[in-house]
Amino acid sequence: MALQAGDPGEIVKRLAGSLADQPAVAAALILSLLYQLFLYIAALLGFRRLFRHQPWTIALFAATGAILILAPGVAGESRFRLPVQPILALMASVGLVPRDS
């Protein structure tokens, strides 16, 4: 099943139909999306905390992240996002650490 440009409603219907036939794949997809959502929210909290307490570290993280995100260009494949994952994990850990530690 190749996805082509067209009606977004039709694409969603076809995706839902194929996921209904494969519940394990659907569960893995949902868990993966939830993990990524949690990671991004925690990373944003960490980014905000670093910006308040140590603004100079933001330049380091932002420059590194921008290079890794913008270097591939418009190719939106997950293999190009992989080098950014450790930075997101570091920012998420900053966001999840209690404030007094």
N, C-alpha and C. Protein backbone atom coordinates (compact mmCIF):
# COMPACT_ATOMS: atom_id res chain seq x y z
N MET A 1 0.85 -1.17 0.00
CA MET A 1 0.00 0.00 0.00
C MET A 1 0.89 1.24 0.00
N ALA A 2 1.00 1.87 -1.11
CA ALA A 2 1.80 3.08 -1.22
C ALA A 2 0.92 4.30 -0.98
N LEU A 3 1.43 5.22 -0.18
CA LEU A 3 0.69 6.47 0.06
C LEU A 3 1.01 7.45 -1.05
N GLN A 4 -0.03 8.04 -1.58
CA GLN A 4 0.13 9.04 -2.61
C GLN A 4 -0.59 10.30 -2.17
N ALA A 5 -0.21 11.40 -2.78
CA ALA A 5 -0.89 12.65 -2.46
C ALA A 5 -2.36 12.52 -2.85
N GLY A 6 -3.20 13.00 -2.00
CA GLY A 6 -4.62 12.89 -2.28
C GLY A 6 -5.42 13.38 -1.09
N ASP A 7 -6.60 12.87 -0.96
CA ASP A 7 -7.50 13.25 0.11
C ASP A 7 -6.97 12.72 1.45
N PRO A 8 -6.72 13.61 2.42
CA PRO A 8 -6.22 13.14 3.73
C PRO A 8 -7.20 12.19 4.41
N GLY A 9 -8.50 12.38 4.21
CA GLY A 9 -9.48 11.49 4.81
C GLY A 9 -9.33 10.07 4.30
N GLU A 10 -9.06 9.94 3.01
CA GLU A 10 -8.87 8.61 2.41
C GLU A 10 -7.61 7.95 2.95
N ILE A 11 -6.57 8.72 3.13
CA ILE A 11 -5.32 8.18 3.67
C ILE A 11 -5.54 7.67 5.09
N VAL A 12 -6.27 8.44 5.90
CA VAL A 12 -6.54 8.02 7.28
C VAL A 12 -7.39 6.76 7.29
N LYS A 13 -8.39 6.68 6.40
CA LYS A 13 -9.23 5.47 6.33
C LYS A 13 -8.41 4.25 5.97
N ARG A 14 -7.52 4.38 5.00
CA ARG A 14 -6.69 3.24 4.57
C ARG A 14 -5.72 2.83 5.68
N LEU A 15 -5.15 3.81 6.37
CA LEU A 15 -4.25 3.51 7.48
C LEU A 15 -4.99 2.81 8.61
N ALA A 16 -6.16 3.31 8.96
CA ALA A 16 -6.95 2.69 10.03
C ALA A 16 -7.36 1.27 9.64
N GLY A 17 -7.69 1.08 8.38
CA GLY A 17 -8.06 -0.26 7.93
C GLY A 17 -6.91 -1.24 8.01
N SER A 18 -5.73 -0.82 7.63
CA SER A 18 -4.58 -1.73 7.70
C SER A 18 -4.14 -1.96 9.14
N LEU A 19 -4.30 -0.97 10.01
CA LEU A 19 -3.94 -1.17 11.41
C LEU A 19 -4.96 -2.05 12.13
N ALA A 20 -6.21 -2.03 11.67
CA ALA A 20 -7.22 -2.89 12.28
C ALA A 20 -6.91 -4.36 12.02
N ASP A 21 -6.26 -4.64 10.90
CA ASP A 21 -5.89 -6.02 10.58
C ASP A 21 -4.67 -6.49 11.37
N GLN A 22 -3.89 -5.55 11.91
CA GLN A 22 -2.66 -5.88 12.62
C GLN A 22 -2.63 -5.16 13.96
N PRO A 23 -3.28 -5.72 14.98
CA PRO A 23 -3.37 -5.02 16.27
C PRO A 23 -2.01 -4.84 16.96
N ALA A 24 -1.07 -5.74 16.75
CA ALA A 24 0.24 -5.59 17.38
C ALA A 24 0.97 -4.38 16.81
N VAL A 25 0.84 -4.18 15.51
CA VAL A 25 1.47 -3.02 14.86
C VAL A 25 0.80 -1.74 15.34
N ALA A 26 -0.52 -1.77 15.48
CA ALA A 26 -1.24 -0.60 15.96
C ALA A 26 -0.82 -0.25 17.38
N ALA A 27 -0.67 -1.26 18.25
CA ALA A 27 -0.25 -1.01 19.63
C ALA A 27 1.17 -0.44 19.67
N ALA A 28 2.06 -0.99 18.85
CA ALA A 28 3.43 -0.49 18.81
C ALA A 28 3.47 0.96 18.30
N LEU A 29 2.65 1.26 17.32
CA LEU A 29 2.59 2.63 16.79
C LEU A 29 2.08 3.59 17.84
N ILE A 30 1.03 3.22 18.54
CA ILE A 30 0.48 4.10 19.58
C ILE A 30 1.47 4.31 20.71
N LEU A 31 2.14 3.24 21.16
CA LEU A 31 3.14 3.38 22.23
C LEU A 31 4.31 4.25 21.79
N SER A 32 4.73 4.09 20.55
CA SER A 32 5.83 4.90 20.03
C SER A 32 5.44 6.37 19.97
N LEU A 33 4.23 6.65 19.52
CA LEU A 33 3.77 8.04 19.46
C LEU A 33 3.64 8.65 20.85
N LEU A 34 3.15 7.88 21.81
CA LEU A 34 3.04 8.37 23.19
C LEU A 34 4.42 8.66 23.78
N TYR A 35 5.38 7.76 23.52
CA TYR A 35 6.75 7.98 24.01
C TYR A 35 7.34 9.26 23.42
N GLN A 36 7.19 9.44 22.11
CA GLN A 36 7.73 10.64 21.48
C GLN A 36 7.08 11.90 22.01
N LEU A 37 5.77 11.85 22.23
CA LEU A 37 5.06 13.00 22.79
C LEU A 37 5.59 13.32 24.19
N PHE A 38 5.75 12.29 25.02
CA PHE A 38 6.30 12.50 26.37
C PHE A 38 7.71 13.07 26.30
N LEU A 39 8.54 12.53 25.41
CA LEU A 39 9.92 13.00 25.29
C LEU A 39 9.97 14.46 24.86
N TYR A 40 9.14 14.86 23.90
CA TYR A 40 9.15 16.24 23.43
C TYR A 40 8.65 17.20 24.51
N ILE A 41 7.62 16.81 25.24
CA ILE A 41 7.10 17.68 26.31
C ILE A 41 8.15 17.84 27.41
N ALA A 42 8.78 16.73 27.82
CA ALA A 42 9.82 16.81 28.85
C ALA A 42 11.01 17.62 28.36
N ALA A 43 11.37 17.49 27.09
CA ALA A 43 12.49 18.27 26.54
C ALA A 43 12.16 19.75 26.53
N LEU A 44 10.92 20.10 26.21
CA LEU A 44 10.53 21.51 26.27
C LEU A 44 10.59 22.05 27.68
N LEU A 45 10.18 21.25 28.66
CA LEU A 45 10.30 21.68 30.06
C LEU A 45 11.77 21.87 30.45
N GLY A 46 12.62 20.96 30.01
CA GLY A 46 14.05 21.09 30.29
C GLY A 46 14.66 22.30 29.60
N PHE A 47 14.24 22.55 28.38
CA PHE A 47 14.72 23.73 27.66
C PHE A 47 14.33 25.00 28.41
N ARG A 48 13.10 25.05 28.89
CA ARG A 48 12.63 26.22 29.64
C ARG A 48 13.41 26.39 30.95
N ARG A 49 13.68 25.28 31.64
CA ARG A 49 14.43 25.35 32.89
C ARG A 49 15.87 25.82 32.65
N LEU A 50 16.50 25.28 31.61
CA LEU A 50 17.86 25.72 31.30
C LEU A 50 17.89 27.19 30.90
N PHE A 51 16.90 27.63 30.18
CA PHE A 51 16.85 29.02 29.76
C PHE A 51 16.75 29.95 30.96
N ARG A 52 16.04 29.54 31.99
CA ARG A 52 15.90 30.38 33.19
C ARG A 52 17.16 30.40 34.04
N HIS A 53 17.83 29.25 34.18
CA HIS A 53 18.92 29.16 35.14
C HIS A 53 20.31 29.26 34.52
N GLN A 54 20.49 28.74 33.31
CA GLN A 54 21.81 28.78 32.67
C GLN A 54 21.63 29.12 31.19
N PRO A 55 21.42 30.38 30.88
CA PRO A 55 21.12 30.74 29.49
C PRO A 55 22.24 30.42 28.50
N TRP A 56 23.47 30.35 28.96
CA TRP A 56 24.57 30.09 28.04
C TRP A 56 24.52 28.66 27.48
N THR A 57 23.92 27.71 28.21
CA THR A 57 23.85 26.34 27.71
C THR A 57 22.84 26.21 26.57
N ILE A 58 21.89 27.11 26.53
CA ILE A 58 20.88 27.07 25.46
C ILE A 58 21.55 27.25 24.11
N ALA A 59 22.54 28.13 24.02
CA ALA A 59 23.22 28.35 22.75
C ALA A 59 23.88 27.07 22.26
N LEU A 60 24.49 26.32 23.17
CA LEU A 60 25.14 25.06 22.80
C LEU A 60 24.12 24.04 22.29
N PHE A 61 23.05 23.83 23.05
CA PHE A 61 22.04 22.87 22.64
C PHE A 61 21.32 23.31 21.37
N ALA A 62 21.01 24.59 21.27
CA ALA A 62 20.28 25.09 20.10
C ALA A 62 21.13 24.99 18.84
N ALA A 63 22.40 25.33 18.93
CA ALA A 63 23.27 25.25 17.75
C ALA A 63 23.45 23.80 17.30
N THR A 64 23.69 22.92 18.24
CA THR A 64 23.85 21.51 17.89
C THR A 64 22.57 20.94 17.31
N GLY A 65 21.46 21.23 17.96
CA GLY A 65 20.18 20.73 17.46
C GLY A 65 19.82 21.29 16.10
N ALA A 66 20.09 22.57 15.89
CA ALA A 66 19.77 23.19 14.60
C ALA A 66 20.59 22.58 13.48
N ILE A 67 21.86 22.33 13.74
CA ILE A 67 22.70 21.71 12.71
C ILE A 67 22.19 20.32 12.37
N LEU A 68 21.87 19.54 13.39
CA LEU A 68 21.41 18.17 13.14
C LEU A 68 20.02 18.12 12.52
N ILE A 69 19.19 19.10 12.80
CA ILE A 69 17.84 19.10 12.24
C ILE A 69 17.83 19.71 10.84
N LEU A 70 18.57 20.78 10.62
CA LEU A 70 18.52 21.49 9.35
C LEU A 70 19.46 20.92 8.29
N ALA A 71 20.49 20.19 8.68
CA ALA A 71 21.45 19.67 7.71
C ALA A 71 20.83 18.74 6.67
N PRO A 72 19.91 17.83 7.05
CA PRO A 72 19.34 16.95 6.03
C PRO A 72 18.41 17.66 5.05
N GLY A 73 17.95 18.84 5.37
CA GLY A 73 17.06 19.55 4.48
C GLY A 73 15.62 19.09 4.64
N VAL A 74 14.96 18.92 3.52
CA VAL A 74 13.53 18.60 3.57
C VAL A 74 13.26 17.09 3.63
N ALA A 75 14.30 16.28 3.65
CA ALA A 75 14.10 14.83 3.73
C ALA A 75 13.66 14.50 5.16
N GLY A 76 12.42 14.20 5.34
CA GLY A 76 11.86 13.99 6.68
C GLY A 76 11.86 12.55 7.10
N GLU A 77 12.96 11.87 7.03
CA GLU A 77 13.03 10.48 7.42
C GLU A 77 13.52 10.37 8.86
N SER A 78 13.14 9.29 9.51
CA SER A 78 13.50 9.12 10.92
C SER A 78 15.00 8.92 11.10
N ARG A 79 15.71 8.44 10.09
CA ARG A 79 17.15 8.24 10.25
C ARG A 79 17.89 9.56 10.42
N PHE A 80 17.31 10.65 9.95
CA PHE A 80 17.94 11.95 10.12
C PHE A 80 17.61 12.54 11.49
N ARG A 81 16.56 12.05 12.13
CA ARG A 81 16.21 12.51 13.47
C ARG A 81 17.01 11.76 14.53
N LEU A 82 17.55 10.62 14.19
CA LEU A 82 18.25 9.80 15.17
C LEU A 82 19.40 10.51 15.88
N PRO A 83 20.25 11.30 15.22
CA PRO A 83 21.32 12.00 15.96
C PRO A 83 20.81 13.03 16.97
N VAL A 84 19.57 13.48 16.84
CA VAL A 84 19.02 14.48 17.75
C VAL A 84 18.45 13.82 19.00
N GLN A 85 18.16 12.52 18.95
CA GLN A 85 17.54 11.83 20.08
C GLN A 85 18.34 11.97 21.39
N PRO A 86 19.68 11.84 21.40
CA PRO A 86 20.39 12.04 22.68
C PRO A 86 20.23 13.44 23.24
N ILE A 87 20.17 14.44 22.38
CA ILE A 87 19.98 15.81 22.86
C ILE A 87 18.60 15.96 23.46
N LEU A 88 17.60 15.38 22.80
CA LEU A 88 16.24 15.41 23.35
C LEU A 88 16.19 14.69 24.70
N ALA A 89 16.89 13.57 24.81
CA ALA A 89 16.89 12.83 26.07
C ALA A 89 17.56 13.65 27.18
N LEU A 90 18.65 14.35 26.87
CA LEU A 90 19.31 15.20 27.87
C LEU A 90 18.39 16.34 28.31
N MET A 91 17.74 16.97 27.35
CA MET A 91 16.83 18.05 27.69
C MET A 91 15.64 17.53 28.49
N ALA A 92 15.16 16.34 28.15
CA ALA A 92 14.05 15.75 28.89
C ALA A 92 14.47 15.42 30.31
N SER A 93 15.71 14.95 30.49
CA SER A 93 16.16 14.64 31.85
C SER A 93 16.27 15.90 32.69
N VAL A 94 16.69 16.99 32.07
CA VAL A 94 16.73 18.27 32.80
C VAL A 94 15.32 18.68 33.19
N GLY A 95 14.36 18.44 32.31
CA GLY A 95 12.98 18.80 32.60
C GLY A 95 12.33 17.93 33.67
N LEU A 96 12.82 16.70 33.85
CA LEU A 96 12.20 15.79 34.80
C LEU A 96 12.88 15.74 36.16
N VAL A 97 14.07 16.32 36.29
CA VAL A 97 14.79 16.33 37.56
C VAL A 97 14.10 17.32 38.49
N PRO A 98 13.94 16.96 39.76
CA PRO A 98 13.32 17.92 40.70
C PRO A 98 14.12 19.23 40.75
N ARG A 99 13.43 20.31 41.02
CA ARG A 99 14.04 21.63 40.97
C ARG A 99 15.12 21.86 42.02
N ASP A 100 15.03 21.22 43.18
CA ASP A 100 15.98 21.50 44.25
C ASP A 100 17.26 20.68 44.15
N SER A 101 17.39 19.80 43.15
CA SER A 101 18.62 19.00 43.06
C SER A 101 19.60 19.59 42.09
